Amino acid sequence: MHDVRFCVTANGLRSSAWRARASRSRPEVFLEREGSEKHAHVSLHESGDWHMKVDGEPVHLWRRPDEFQEGFTRAVVIVQPCGVASFSVPPAAGTTTFSLGAETDTSGQFDLFLERPGANLNSWPGKGVSGTSLVARLPFPDGLGTCCVTFREAPFEAGSLTLPRPANERQLAELLAAQERGDHVTFFGSHEGALLAIDFRLGSTPAVGVPG
């Protein structure tokens, strides 16, 4: 296996799926979210120069963080609150899904780790302490380690987010239309050096089609 797709489900609906893909020639990983994969992706390059690009232009550059424990680097944290499970169309074949409780304050957290050669493949980060589940292990070529994706259900604490005001009437109209459609968006930040991606759904319109 060189790629894996994963998402959460709740109340019979599902969220957008994320895809993690390991390179077949280098110890590198590429990430994209369903519905935005044609114009946005995250690249974790062997050089340690990592980036996120939108429409071919880099919008975020950062360096590979230090290992959080010997042999393991937490690279990306993806959080999907219960509310983003709003699609009735089944995910692509082979997608790994994790069911969340009906409570609105719960979320699924997917952690992507880079593991050095020699890592204990009989366990995975957080298995005993945090009760994580193994989503998948993607091998790098030539025995250069693995990419490990784990999942755990966690509380989603309420908070606030301040965004720039729309620059003009066109941007305001686009924002209002996206809210009316209930579009799915991802906000990015940092968590202990790792890239933090939190999925949200604008507005409250049920999204019963395919993510877009």
N, C-alpha and C. Protein backbone atom coordinates (compact mmCIF):
# COMPACT_ATOMS: atom_id res chain seq x y z
N MET A 1 0.85 -1.20 0.00
CA MET A 1 0.00 0.00 0.00
C MET A 1 0.88 1.25 0.00
N HIS A 2 0.61 2.17 -0.95
CA HIS A 2 1.36 3.42 -0.99
C HIS A 2 0.48 4.65 -0.79
N ASP A 3 -0.82 4.45 -0.60
CA ASP A 3 -1.68 5.58 -0.28
C ASP A 3 -2.85 5.08 0.55
N VAL A 4 -3.48 6.01 1.27
CA VAL A 4 -4.62 5.69 2.11
C VAL A 4 -5.56 6.88 2.13
N ARG A 5 -6.86 6.59 2.11
CA ARG A 5 -7.89 7.62 2.23
C ARG A 5 -8.65 7.38 3.53
N PHE A 6 -9.01 8.47 4.22
CA PHE A 6 -9.66 8.31 5.52
C PHE A 6 -10.58 9.48 5.80
N CYS A 7 -11.62 9.23 6.60
CA CYS A 7 -12.57 10.29 6.97
C CYS A 7 -13.37 9.81 8.17
N VAL A 8 -14.22 10.69 8.71
CA VAL A 8 -15.09 10.33 9.82
C VAL A 8 -16.54 10.22 9.32
N THR A 9 -17.34 9.50 10.10
CA THR A 9 -18.77 9.41 9.84
C THR A 9 -19.52 9.72 11.13
N ALA A 10 -20.74 10.23 10.97
CA ALA A 10 -21.61 10.52 12.13
C ALA A 10 -23.04 10.61 11.64
N ASN A 11 -23.94 9.97 12.36
CA ASN A 11 -25.36 10.02 12.04
C ASN A 11 -25.65 9.59 10.60
N GLY A 12 -24.92 8.62 10.11
CA GLY A 12 -25.16 8.09 8.77
C GLY A 12 -24.57 8.90 7.64
N LEU A 13 -23.84 9.97 7.95
CA LEU A 13 -23.21 10.81 6.94
C LEU A 13 -21.70 10.76 7.11
N ARG A 14 -20.98 11.28 6.15
CA ARG A 14 -19.52 11.25 6.21
C ARG A 14 -18.93 12.62 5.90
N SER A 15 -17.67 12.78 6.28
CA SER A 15 -16.95 14.00 5.98
C SER A 15 -16.22 13.85 4.64
N SER A 16 -15.56 14.92 4.20
CA SER A 16 -14.63 14.80 3.09
C SER A 16 -13.49 13.88 3.51
N ALA A 17 -12.96 13.14 2.58
CA ALA A 17 -11.85 12.23 2.87
C ALA A 17 -10.52 12.91 2.56
N TRP A 18 -9.53 12.59 3.35
CA TRP A 18 -8.16 13.01 3.09
C TRP A 18 -7.40 11.83 2.49
N ARG A 19 -6.45 12.13 1.62
CA ARG A 19 -5.60 11.11 1.03
C ARG A 19 -4.15 11.40 1.37
N ALA A 20 -3.46 10.41 1.93
CA ALA A 20 -2.02 10.49 2.16
C ALA A 20 -1.35 9.52 1.19
N ARG A 21 -0.36 10.01 0.47
CA ARG A 21 0.30 9.20 -0.56
C ARG A 21 1.81 9.25 -0.35
N ALA A 22 2.41 8.07 -0.24
CA ALA A 22 3.85 7.97 -0.08
C ALA A 22 4.50 7.83 -1.46
N SER A 23 5.60 8.55 -1.65
CA SER A 23 6.34 8.46 -2.90
C SER A 23 6.91 7.06 -3.07
N ARG A 24 7.00 6.60 -4.31
CA ARG A 24 7.60 5.30 -4.60
C ARG A 24 9.11 5.40 -4.84
N SER A 25 9.63 6.64 -4.87
CA SER A 25 11.06 6.80 -5.16
C SER A 25 11.84 7.50 -4.06
N ARG A 26 11.15 8.22 -3.16
CA ARG A 26 11.81 8.96 -2.09
C ARG A 26 10.99 8.83 -0.80
N PRO A 27 11.59 9.08 0.35
CA PRO A 27 10.82 9.10 1.61
C PRO A 27 10.05 10.41 1.74
N GLU A 28 9.00 10.55 0.95
CA GLU A 28 8.21 11.77 0.92
C GLU A 28 6.72 11.42 0.96
N VAL A 29 5.93 12.38 1.44
CA VAL A 29 4.49 12.18 1.57
C VAL A 29 3.76 13.39 1.00
N PHE A 30 2.62 13.11 0.35
CA PHE A 30 1.79 14.17 -0.22
C PHE A 30 0.36 13.99 0.30
N LEU A 31 -0.28 15.12 0.61
CA LEU A 31 -1.61 15.11 1.20
C LEU A 31 -2.54 16.02 0.43
N GLU A 32 -3.80 15.58 0.27
CA GLU A 32 -4.82 16.46 -0.29
C GLU A 32 -6.18 16.06 0.28
N ARG A 33 -7.09 17.05 0.32
CA ARG A 33 -8.43 16.81 0.82
C ARG A 33 -9.39 16.67 -0.34
N GLU A 34 -10.28 15.70 -0.24
CA GLU A 34 -11.29 15.48 -1.26
C GLU A 34 -12.07 16.78 -1.52
N GLY A 35 -12.24 17.10 -2.78
CA GLY A 35 -12.95 18.31 -3.15
C GLY A 35 -12.03 19.47 -3.47
N SER A 36 -10.78 19.41 -2.99
CA SER A 36 -9.82 20.48 -3.26
C SER A 36 -8.52 19.93 -3.84
N GLU A 37 -8.49 18.63 -4.14
CA GLU A 37 -7.24 18.00 -4.57
C GLU A 37 -6.72 18.52 -5.90
N LYS A 38 -7.60 19.13 -6.71
CA LYS A 38 -7.16 19.62 -8.02
C LYS A 38 -6.40 20.93 -7.92
N HIS A 39 -6.51 21.62 -6.78
CA HIS A 39 -5.83 22.92 -6.71
C HIS A 39 -5.06 23.16 -5.41
N ALA A 40 -5.05 22.19 -4.49
CA ALA A 40 -4.32 22.40 -3.24
C ALA A 40 -3.73 21.08 -2.76
N HIS A 41 -2.50 21.13 -2.24
CA HIS A 41 -1.87 19.93 -1.69
C HIS A 41 -0.77 20.32 -0.71
N VAL A 42 -0.41 19.37 0.13
CA VAL A 42 0.69 19.51 1.09
C VAL A 42 1.78 18.53 0.69
N SER A 43 3.04 19.00 0.67
CA SER A 43 4.18 18.16 0.31
C SER A 43 5.17 18.11 1.46
N LEU A 44 5.51 16.90 1.89
CA LEU A 44 6.52 16.69 2.92
C LEU A 44 7.74 16.08 2.24
N HIS A 45 8.69 16.94 1.84
CA HIS A 45 9.81 16.50 1.02
C HIS A 45 10.96 15.94 1.86
N GLU A 46 11.74 15.07 1.23
CA GLU A 46 12.90 14.44 1.88
C GLU A 46 13.88 15.48 2.40
N SER A 47 13.98 16.61 1.73
CA SER A 47 14.92 17.66 2.11
C SER A 47 14.58 18.29 3.46
N GLY A 48 13.34 18.11 3.92
CA GLY A 48 12.89 18.79 5.13
C GLY A 48 12.29 20.15 4.85
N ASP A 49 12.31 20.56 3.59
CA ASP A 49 11.63 21.79 3.18
C ASP A 49 10.21 21.42 2.77
N TRP A 50 9.26 21.70 3.65
CA TRP A 50 7.88 21.29 3.43
C TRP A 50 7.05 22.50 3.01
N HIS A 51 5.99 22.23 2.25
CA HIS A 51 5.17 23.35 1.79
C HIS A 51 3.73 22.92 1.52
N MET A 52 2.87 23.94 1.48
CA MET A 52 1.51 23.78 1.01
C MET A 52 1.33 24.72 -0.18
N LYS A 53 0.77 24.20 -1.27
CA LYS A 53 0.56 25.01 -2.46
C LYS A 53 -0.92 25.06 -2.80
N VAL A 54 -1.36 26.23 -3.29
CA VAL A 54 -2.71 26.41 -3.78
C VAL A 54 -2.61 26.97 -5.19
N ASP A 55 -3.21 26.28 -6.14
CA ASP A 55 -3.14 26.67 -7.55
C ASP A 55 -1.69 26.87 -7.99
N GLY A 56 -0.83 25.98 -7.53
CA GLY A 56 0.56 26.00 -7.96
C GLY A 56 1.46 26.99 -7.25
N GLU A 57 0.90 27.81 -6.37
CA GLU A 57 1.68 28.82 -5.67
C GLU A 57 1.85 28.43 -4.20
N PRO A 58 3.07 28.48 -3.66
CA PRO A 58 3.27 28.16 -2.25
C PRO A 58 2.62 29.20 -1.35
N VAL A 59 1.80 28.75 -0.41
CA VAL A 59 1.14 29.65 0.53
C VAL A 59 1.65 29.46 1.95
N HIS A 60 2.39 28.37 2.18
CA HIS A 60 2.95 28.14 3.51
C HIS A 60 4.19 27.28 3.35
N LEU A 61 5.30 27.74 3.93
CA LEU A 61 6.57 27.02 3.91
C LEU A 61 7.03 26.80 5.34
N TRP A 62 7.54 25.62 5.65
CA TRP A 62 8.08 25.38 6.98
C TRP A 62 9.08 24.24 6.92
N ARG A 63 9.88 24.13 7.97
CA ARG A 63 10.88 23.10 8.05
C ARG A 63 10.37 21.90 8.85
N ARG A 64 10.87 20.74 8.51
CA ARG A 64 10.50 19.53 9.23
C ARG A 64 10.79 19.72 10.72
N PRO A 65 9.83 19.47 11.60
CA PRO A 65 10.05 19.67 13.05
C PRO A 65 10.96 18.59 13.63
N ASP A 66 11.43 18.84 14.83
CA ASP A 66 12.23 17.85 15.54
C ASP A 66 11.36 16.64 15.90
N GLU A 67 12.01 15.51 16.14
CA GLU A 67 11.29 14.32 16.57
C GLU A 67 10.65 14.56 17.93
N PHE A 68 9.38 14.16 18.09
CA PHE A 68 8.73 14.34 19.38
C PHE A 68 9.13 13.22 20.33
N GLN A 69 9.58 12.11 19.79
CA GLN A 69 10.26 11.08 20.56
C GLN A 69 11.18 10.35 19.59
N GLU A 70 12.16 9.67 20.12
CA GLU A 70 13.20 9.10 19.27
C GLU A 70 12.60 8.21 18.17
N GLY A 71 12.92 8.57 16.94
CA GLY A 71 12.49 7.79 15.79
C GLY A 71 11.18 8.22 15.18
N PHE A 72 10.44 9.16 15.83
CA PHE A 72 9.12 9.54 15.36
C PHE A 72 9.00 11.06 15.21
N THR A 73 8.54 11.50 14.06
CA THR A 73 8.26 12.92 13.81
C THR A 73 6.78 13.08 13.52
N ARG A 74 6.08 13.87 14.35
CA ARG A 74 4.68 14.18 14.05
C ARG A 74 4.67 15.27 12.99
N ALA A 75 4.14 14.94 11.81
CA ALA A 75 4.22 15.85 10.68
C ALA A 75 2.94 16.67 10.49
N VAL A 76 1.79 16.00 10.58
CA VAL A 76 0.50 16.66 10.29
C VAL A 76 -0.55 16.16 11.27
N VAL A 77 -1.40 17.07 11.72
CA VAL A 77 -2.56 16.73 12.55
C VAL A 77 -3.81 17.22 11.81
N ILE A 78 -4.72 16.31 11.51
CA ILE A 78 -5.96 16.65 10.82
C ILE A 78 -7.12 16.43 11.77
N VAL A 79 -7.92 17.47 11.99
CA VAL A 79 -9.05 17.39 12.92
C VAL A 79 -10.34 17.54 12.13
N GLN A 80 -11.26 16.61 12.33
CA GLN A 80 -12.57 16.67 11.67
C GLN A 80 -13.67 16.63 12.73
N PRO A 81 -14.24 17.80 13.07
CA PRO A 81 -15.34 17.83 14.03
C PRO A 81 -16.56 17.07 13.51
N CYS A 82 -17.42 16.68 14.42
CA CYS A 82 -18.60 15.90 14.08
C CYS A 82 -19.43 16.58 12.99
N GLY A 83 -19.49 17.91 13.01
CA GLY A 83 -20.35 18.65 12.09
C GLY A 83 -19.95 18.58 10.63
N VAL A 84 -18.72 18.17 10.32
CA VAL A 84 -18.32 18.10 8.91
C VAL A 84 -18.78 16.80 8.26
N ALA A 85 -19.35 15.89 9.03
CA ALA A 85 -19.93 14.68 8.44
C ALA A 85 -21.30 15.04 7.91
N SER A 86 -21.36 15.41 6.63
CA SER A 86 -22.61 15.92 6.07
C SER A 86 -22.87 15.42 4.66
N PHE A 87 -22.08 14.47 4.17
CA PHE A 87 -22.27 13.95 2.81
C PHE A 87 -22.91 12.57 2.87
N SER A 88 -23.94 12.36 2.05
CA SER A 88 -24.62 11.07 2.03
C SER A 88 -24.02 10.12 1.00
N VAL A 89 -23.31 10.65 0.00
CA VAL A 89 -22.70 9.81 -1.03
C VAL A 89 -21.55 9.03 -0.41
N PRO A 90 -21.46 7.72 -0.63
CA PRO A 90 -20.38 6.93 -0.04
C PRO A 90 -19.02 7.42 -0.51
N PRO A 91 -17.98 7.23 0.31
CA PRO A 91 -16.64 7.64 -0.11
C PRO A 91 -16.10 6.68 -1.16
N ALA A 92 -14.96 7.03 -1.73
CA ALA A 92 -14.32 6.18 -2.72
C ALA A 92 -14.01 4.81 -2.13
N ALA A 93 -14.02 3.80 -2.98
CA ALA A 93 -13.75 2.44 -2.52
C ALA A 93 -12.40 2.40 -1.82
N GLY A 94 -12.35 1.68 -0.70
CA GLY A 94 -11.11 1.54 0.04
C GLY A 94 -10.87 2.60 1.09
N THR A 95 -11.76 3.59 1.18
CA THR A 95 -11.59 4.64 2.19
C THR A 95 -11.83 4.06 3.59
N THR A 96 -10.94 4.37 4.51
CA THR A 96 -11.09 3.93 5.89
C THR A 96 -11.91 4.96 6.65
N THR A 97 -13.00 4.54 7.26
CA THR A 97 -13.89 5.46 7.97
C THR A 97 -13.91 5.14 9.46
N PHE A 98 -14.12 6.20 10.26
CA PHE A 98 -14.20 6.05 11.71
C PHE A 98 -15.46 6.76 12.18
N SER A 99 -16.29 6.04 12.92
CA SER A 99 -17.57 6.57 13.37
C SER A 99 -17.40 7.39 14.65
N LEU A 100 -18.00 8.57 14.66
CA LEU A 100 -17.99 9.43 15.83
C LEU A 100 -19.33 9.34 16.55
N GLY A 101 -19.34 9.69 17.82
CA GLY A 101 -20.58 9.75 18.55
C GLY A 101 -21.44 10.89 18.05
N ALA A 102 -22.69 10.92 18.47
CA ALA A 102 -23.62 11.93 18.00
C ALA A 102 -23.40 13.29 18.64
N GLU A 103 -22.57 13.36 19.71
CA GLU A 103 -22.36 14.63 20.39
C GLU A 103 -21.67 15.62 19.46
N THR A 104 -22.11 16.88 19.50
CA THR A 104 -21.56 17.88 18.60
C THR A 104 -20.19 18.37 19.03
N ASP A 105 -19.76 18.04 20.24
CA ASP A 105 -18.46 18.53 20.71
C ASP A 105 -17.36 17.48 20.57
N THR A 106 -17.59 16.48 19.74
CA THR A 106 -16.56 15.47 19.53
C THR A 106 -15.95 15.63 18.15
N SER A 107 -14.77 15.08 17.97
CA SER A 107 -14.08 15.19 16.68
C SER A 107 -13.19 13.98 16.48
N GLY A 108 -12.80 13.76 15.25
CA GLY A 108 -11.81 12.76 14.93
C GLY A 108 -10.48 13.43 14.68
N GLN A 109 -9.41 12.88 15.23
CA GLN A 109 -8.07 13.44 15.03
C GLN A 109 -7.19 12.39 14.37
N PHE A 110 -6.70 12.74 13.18
CA PHE A 110 -5.77 11.90 12.45
C PHE A 110 -4.37 12.50 12.56
N ASP A 111 -3.42 11.70 13.04
CA ASP A 111 -2.04 12.15 13.15
C ASP A 111 -1.18 11.40 12.15
N LEU A 112 -0.36 12.14 11.43
CA LEU A 112 0.53 11.55 10.45
C LEU A 112 1.96 11.65 10.97
N PHE A 113 2.60 10.50 11.15
CA PHE A 113 3.96 10.43 11.68
C PHE A 113 4.92 9.91 10.61
N LEU A 114 6.14 10.43 10.63
CA LEU A 114 7.22 9.86 9.85
C LEU A 114 8.08 9.05 10.80
N GLU A 115 8.32 7.78 10.43
CA GLU A 115 9.05 6.88 11.30
C GLU A 115 10.39 6.52 10.67
N ARG A 116 11.42 6.61 11.48
CA ARG A 116 12.74 6.22 11.00
C ARG A 116 12.82 4.70 10.82
N PRO A 117 13.78 4.23 10.00
CA PRO A 117 13.98 2.78 9.88
C PRO A 117 14.24 2.16 11.25
N GLY A 118 13.67 0.98 11.46
CA GLY A 118 13.85 0.29 12.73
C GLY A 118 12.75 0.56 13.74
N ALA A 119 11.74 1.36 13.36
CA ALA A 119 10.62 1.62 14.29
C ALA A 119 9.89 0.32 14.59
N ASN A 120 9.32 0.24 15.77
CA ASN A 120 8.57 -0.95 16.18
C ASN A 120 7.26 -1.01 15.40
N LEU A 121 7.19 -1.88 14.42
CA LEU A 121 6.00 -1.98 13.58
C LEU A 121 4.90 -2.81 14.22
N ASN A 122 5.14 -3.33 15.42
CA ASN A 122 4.11 -4.06 16.15
C ASN A 122 3.26 -3.13 17.01
N SER A 123 3.62 -1.85 17.03
CA SER A 123 2.86 -0.87 17.78
C SER A 123 2.78 0.40 16.94
N TRP A 124 2.29 1.48 17.52
CA TRP A 124 2.22 2.76 16.83
C TRP A 124 2.05 3.86 17.86
N PRO A 125 2.33 5.12 17.49
CA PRO A 125 2.27 6.22 18.45
C PRO A 125 0.89 6.36 19.10
N GLY A 126 0.88 6.46 20.42
CA GLY A 126 -0.35 6.68 21.17
C GLY A 126 -1.20 5.45 21.39
N LYS A 127 -0.73 4.27 21.00
CA LYS A 127 -1.56 3.06 21.12
C LYS A 127 -1.95 2.79 22.57
N GLY A 128 -0.99 2.90 23.48
CA GLY A 128 -1.28 2.60 24.86
C GLY A 128 -1.74 3.80 25.66
N VAL A 129 -1.10 4.95 25.46
CA VAL A 129 -1.38 6.14 26.26
C VAL A 129 -2.68 6.82 25.84
N SER A 130 -2.87 7.01 24.53
CA SER A 130 -4.03 7.76 24.03
C SER A 130 -5.10 6.89 23.43
N GLY A 131 -4.86 5.59 23.32
CA GLY A 131 -5.85 4.69 22.75
C GLY A 131 -6.10 4.93 21.27
N THR A 132 -5.04 5.27 20.54
CA THR A 132 -5.20 5.52 19.11
C THR A 132 -5.39 4.21 18.35
N SER A 133 -6.00 4.33 17.18
CA SER A 133 -6.15 3.21 16.25
C SER A 133 -5.21 3.43 15.07
N LEU A 134 -4.70 2.35 14.52
CA LEU A 134 -3.84 2.44 13.35
C LEU A 134 -4.70 2.54 12.10
N VAL A 135 -4.52 3.61 11.33
CA VAL A 135 -5.22 3.77 10.06
C VAL A 135 -4.46 3.03 8.97
N ALA A 136 -3.16 3.30 8.86
CA ALA A 136 -2.33 2.64 7.84
C ALA A 136 -0.87 2.96 8.09
N ARG A 137 -0.01 2.08 7.55
CA ARG A 137 1.43 2.34 7.49
C ARG A 137 1.83 2.28 6.02
N LEU A 138 2.45 3.35 5.54
CA LEU A 138 2.87 3.42 4.15
C LEU A 138 4.39 3.31 4.10
N PRO A 139 4.93 2.32 3.40
CA PRO A 139 6.39 2.14 3.38
C PRO A 139 7.08 3.10 2.43
N PHE A 140 8.24 3.58 2.84
CA PHE A 140 9.10 4.34 1.94
C PHE A 140 10.03 3.37 1.20
N PRO A 141 10.54 3.77 0.05
CA PRO A 141 11.40 2.85 -0.71
C PRO A 141 12.74 2.61 -0.02
N ASP A 142 13.36 1.50 -0.38
CA ASP A 142 14.72 1.18 0.06
C ASP A 142 14.86 1.11 1.58
N GLY A 143 13.78 0.77 2.27
CA GLY A 143 13.85 0.63 3.72
C GLY A 143 14.13 1.93 4.45
N LEU A 144 13.70 3.06 3.88
CA LEU A 144 13.99 4.37 4.48
C LEU A 144 12.94 4.82 5.49
N GLY A 145 12.21 3.86 6.04
CA GLY A 145 11.23 4.21 7.07
C GLY A 145 9.82 4.05 6.58
N THR A 146 8.89 4.61 7.33
CA THR A 146 7.47 4.49 7.02
C THR A 146 6.74 5.77 7.38
N CYS A 147 5.56 5.90 6.81
CA CYS A 147 4.60 6.94 7.20
C CYS A 147 3.47 6.24 7.93
N CYS A 148 3.19 6.66 9.14
CA CYS A 148 2.17 6.03 9.98
C CYS A 148 1.04 7.02 10.23
N VAL A 149 -0.20 6.60 9.96
CA VAL A 149 -1.38 7.44 10.20
C VAL A 149 -2.20 6.80 11.31
N THR A 150 -2.51 7.57 12.35
CA THR A 150 -3.30 7.06 13.47
C THR A 150 -4.57 7.89 13.63
N PHE A 151 -5.53 7.34 14.40
CA PHE A 151 -6.80 8.02 14.65
C PHE A 151 -7.17 7.90 16.12
N ARG A 152 -7.78 8.96 16.63
CA ARG A 152 -8.43 8.88 17.94
C ARG A 152 -9.59 9.86 17.97
N GLU A 153 -10.60 9.52 18.75
CA GLU A 153 -11.72 10.44 18.96
C GLU A 153 -11.38 11.33 20.14
N ALA A 154 -11.63 12.62 19.98
CA ALA A 154 -11.23 13.58 21.01
C ALA A 154 -12.28 14.68 21.13
N PRO A 155 -12.40 15.30 22.30
CA PRO A 155 -13.32 16.43 22.44
C PRO A 155 -12.89 17.56 21.53
N PHE A 156 -13.88 18.29 21.02
CA PHE A 156 -13.59 19.46 20.21
C PHE A 156 -14.01 20.69 21.00
N GLU A 157 -13.03 21.42 21.51
CA GLU A 157 -13.32 22.54 22.39
C GLU A 157 -13.74 23.76 21.59
N ALA A 158 -14.74 24.45 22.10
CA ALA A 158 -15.21 25.67 21.45
C ALA A 158 -14.13 26.74 21.49
N GLY A 159 -14.09 27.54 20.44
CA GLY A 159 -13.11 28.61 20.36
C GLY A 159 -13.58 29.67 19.39
N SER A 160 -12.69 30.56 19.03
CA SER A 160 -13.05 31.63 18.10
C SER A 160 -11.94 31.79 17.08
N LEU A 161 -12.30 32.33 15.93
CA LEU A 161 -11.35 32.54 14.85
C LEU A 161 -11.67 33.86 14.19
N THR A 162 -10.66 34.70 14.07
CA THR A 162 -10.84 36.00 13.42
C THR A 162 -10.20 35.96 12.04
N LEU A 163 -11.00 36.24 11.03
CA LEU A 163 -10.53 36.23 9.65
C LEU A 163 -10.53 37.65 9.08
N PRO A 164 -9.70 37.92 8.06
CA PRO A 164 -9.69 39.25 7.45
C PRO A 164 -11.05 39.57 6.84
N ARG A 165 -11.43 40.83 6.88
CA ARG A 165 -12.66 41.26 6.26
C ARG A 165 -12.54 41.14 4.75
N PRO A 166 -13.63 40.82 4.05
CA PRO A 166 -13.58 40.79 2.59
C PRO A 166 -13.07 42.12 2.04
N ALA A 167 -12.20 42.04 1.03
CA ALA A 167 -11.57 43.26 0.50
C ALA A 167 -12.51 44.07 -0.38
N ASN A 168 -13.54 43.42 -0.93
CA ASN A 168 -14.45 44.13 -1.83
C ASN A 168 -15.79 43.41 -1.85
N GLU A 169 -16.72 43.96 -2.63
CA GLU A 169 -18.07 43.39 -2.67
C GLU A 169 -18.07 42.00 -3.30
N ARG A 170 -17.17 41.76 -4.25
CA ARG A 170 -17.12 40.45 -4.89
C ARG A 170 -16.72 39.38 -3.88
N GLN A 171 -15.70 39.66 -3.06
CA GLN A 171 -15.28 38.70 -2.05
C GLN A 171 -16.38 38.47 -1.02
N LEU A 172 -17.08 39.54 -0.65
CA LEU A 172 -18.18 39.41 0.30
C LEU A 172 -19.28 38.53 -0.27
N ALA A 173 -19.60 38.75 -1.55
CA ALA A 173 -20.65 37.95 -2.20
C ALA A 173 -20.24 36.48 -2.27
N GLU A 174 -18.96 36.21 -2.56
CA GLU A 174 -18.48 34.83 -2.62
C GLU A 174 -18.55 34.16 -1.25
N LEU A 175 -18.21 34.91 -0.19
CA LEU A 175 -18.26 34.37 1.15
C LEU A 175 -19.70 34.04 1.55
N LEU A 176 -20.63 34.93 1.24
CA LEU A 176 -22.04 34.71 1.58
C LEU A 176 -22.60 33.52 0.81
N ALA A 177 -22.19 33.39 -0.45
CA ALA A 177 -22.65 32.26 -1.26
C ALA A 177 -22.10 30.94 -0.72
N ALA A 178 -20.83 30.94 -0.32
CA ALA A 178 -20.22 29.74 0.25
C ALA A 178 -20.92 29.34 1.54
N GLN A 179 -21.29 30.34 2.34
CA GLN A 179 -22.00 30.06 3.59
C GLN A 179 -23.38 29.48 3.30
N GLU A 180 -24.05 30.02 2.30
CA GLU A 180 -25.38 29.52 1.94
C GLU A 180 -25.31 28.08 1.44
N ARG A 181 -24.26 27.75 0.70
CA ARG A 181 -24.11 26.38 0.18
C ARG A 181 -23.65 25.40 1.25
N GLY A 182 -23.12 25.92 2.34
CA GLY A 182 -22.57 25.04 3.36
C GLY A 182 -21.25 24.44 2.93
N ASP A 183 -20.42 25.23 2.22
CA ASP A 183 -19.15 24.73 1.71
C ASP A 183 -18.25 24.22 2.83
N HIS A 184 -17.42 23.25 2.49
CA HIS A 184 -16.41 22.74 3.42
C HIS A 184 -15.10 23.47 3.18
N VAL A 185 -14.46 23.89 4.26
CA VAL A 185 -13.18 24.59 4.18
C VAL A 185 -12.24 24.00 5.21
N THR A 186 -10.96 24.26 5.04
CA THR A 186 -9.95 23.80 5.98
C THR A 186 -9.11 24.98 6.43
N PHE A 187 -8.99 25.17 7.74
CA PHE A 187 -8.13 26.21 8.30
C PHE A 187 -6.84 25.54 8.78
N PHE A 188 -5.72 26.23 8.55
CA PHE A 188 -4.43 25.66 8.88
C PHE A 188 -3.74 26.47 9.97
N GLY A 189 -2.99 25.76 10.79
CA GLY A 189 -2.21 26.38 11.84
C GLY A 189 -1.03 25.49 12.18
N SER A 190 -0.56 25.57 13.42
CA SER A 190 0.59 24.79 13.86
C SER A 190 0.29 24.17 15.21
N HIS A 191 0.77 22.94 15.40
CA HIS A 191 0.62 22.24 16.68
C HIS A 191 1.94 21.57 17.01
N GLU A 192 2.68 22.19 17.93
CA GLU A 192 3.97 21.64 18.37
C GLU A 192 4.88 21.35 17.18
N GLY A 193 4.89 22.24 16.22
CA GLY A 193 5.74 22.11 15.06
C GLY A 193 5.10 21.40 13.89
N ALA A 194 4.04 20.62 14.13
CA ALA A 194 3.34 19.92 13.07
C ALA A 194 2.34 20.86 12.40
N LEU A 195 2.00 20.57 11.14
CA LEU A 195 0.95 21.31 10.46
C LEU A 195 -0.39 20.87 11.01
N LEU A 196 -1.22 21.83 11.43
CA LEU A 196 -2.55 21.54 11.96
C LEU A 196 -3.58 21.92 10.91
N ALA A 197 -4.44 20.97 10.54
CA ALA A 197 -5.51 21.22 9.57
C ALA A 197 -6.85 20.89 10.23
N ILE A 198 -7.74 21.88 10.32
CA ILE A 198 -9.05 21.68 10.94
C ILE A 198 -10.12 21.91 9.89
N ASP A 199 -10.90 20.87 9.63
CA ASP A 199 -11.99 20.98 8.66
C ASP A 199 -13.21 21.63 9.31
N PHE A 200 -13.87 22.50 8.54
CA PHE A 200 -15.09 23.15 8.99
C PHE A 200 -16.12 23.13 7.87
N ARG A 201 -17.37 23.35 8.23
CA ARG A 201 -18.44 23.51 7.25
C ARG A 201 -19.12 24.85 7.51
N LEU A 202 -19.17 25.68 6.49
CA LEU A 202 -19.78 26.98 6.61
C LEU A 202 -21.29 26.85 6.59
N GLY A 203 -21.97 27.70 7.36
CA GLY A 203 -23.43 27.69 7.35
C GLY A 203 -23.98 26.41 7.90
N SER A 204 -25.26 26.14 7.56
CA SER A 204 -25.93 24.96 8.11
C SER A 204 -26.69 24.18 7.05
N THR A 205 -26.47 24.48 5.77
CA THR A 205 -27.19 23.78 4.72
C THR A 205 -26.68 22.35 4.59
N PRO A 206 -27.52 21.32 4.67
CA PRO A 206 -27.04 19.94 4.53
C PRO A 206 -26.37 19.74 3.17
N ALA A 207 -25.25 19.07 3.17
CA ALA A 207 -24.53 18.79 1.93
C ALA A 207 -24.67 17.31 1.63
N VAL A 208 -25.57 16.98 0.68
CA VAL A 208 -25.88 15.58 0.43
C VAL A 208 -25.19 15.06 -0.83
N GLY A 209 -24.44 15.89 -1.51
CA GLY A 209 -23.77 15.47 -2.73
C GLY A 209 -22.33 15.08 -2.48
N VAL A 210 -21.56 15.24 -3.53
CA VAL A 210 -20.13 14.91 -3.49
C VAL A 210 -19.35 16.15 -3.08
N PRO A 211 -18.34 16.02 -2.22
CA PRO A 211 -17.53 17.19 -1.84
C PRO A 211 -16.99 17.92 -3.06
N GLY A 212 -17.02 19.23 -2.99
CA GLY A 212 -16.53 20.01 -4.12
C GLY A 212 -16.07 21.37 -3.66
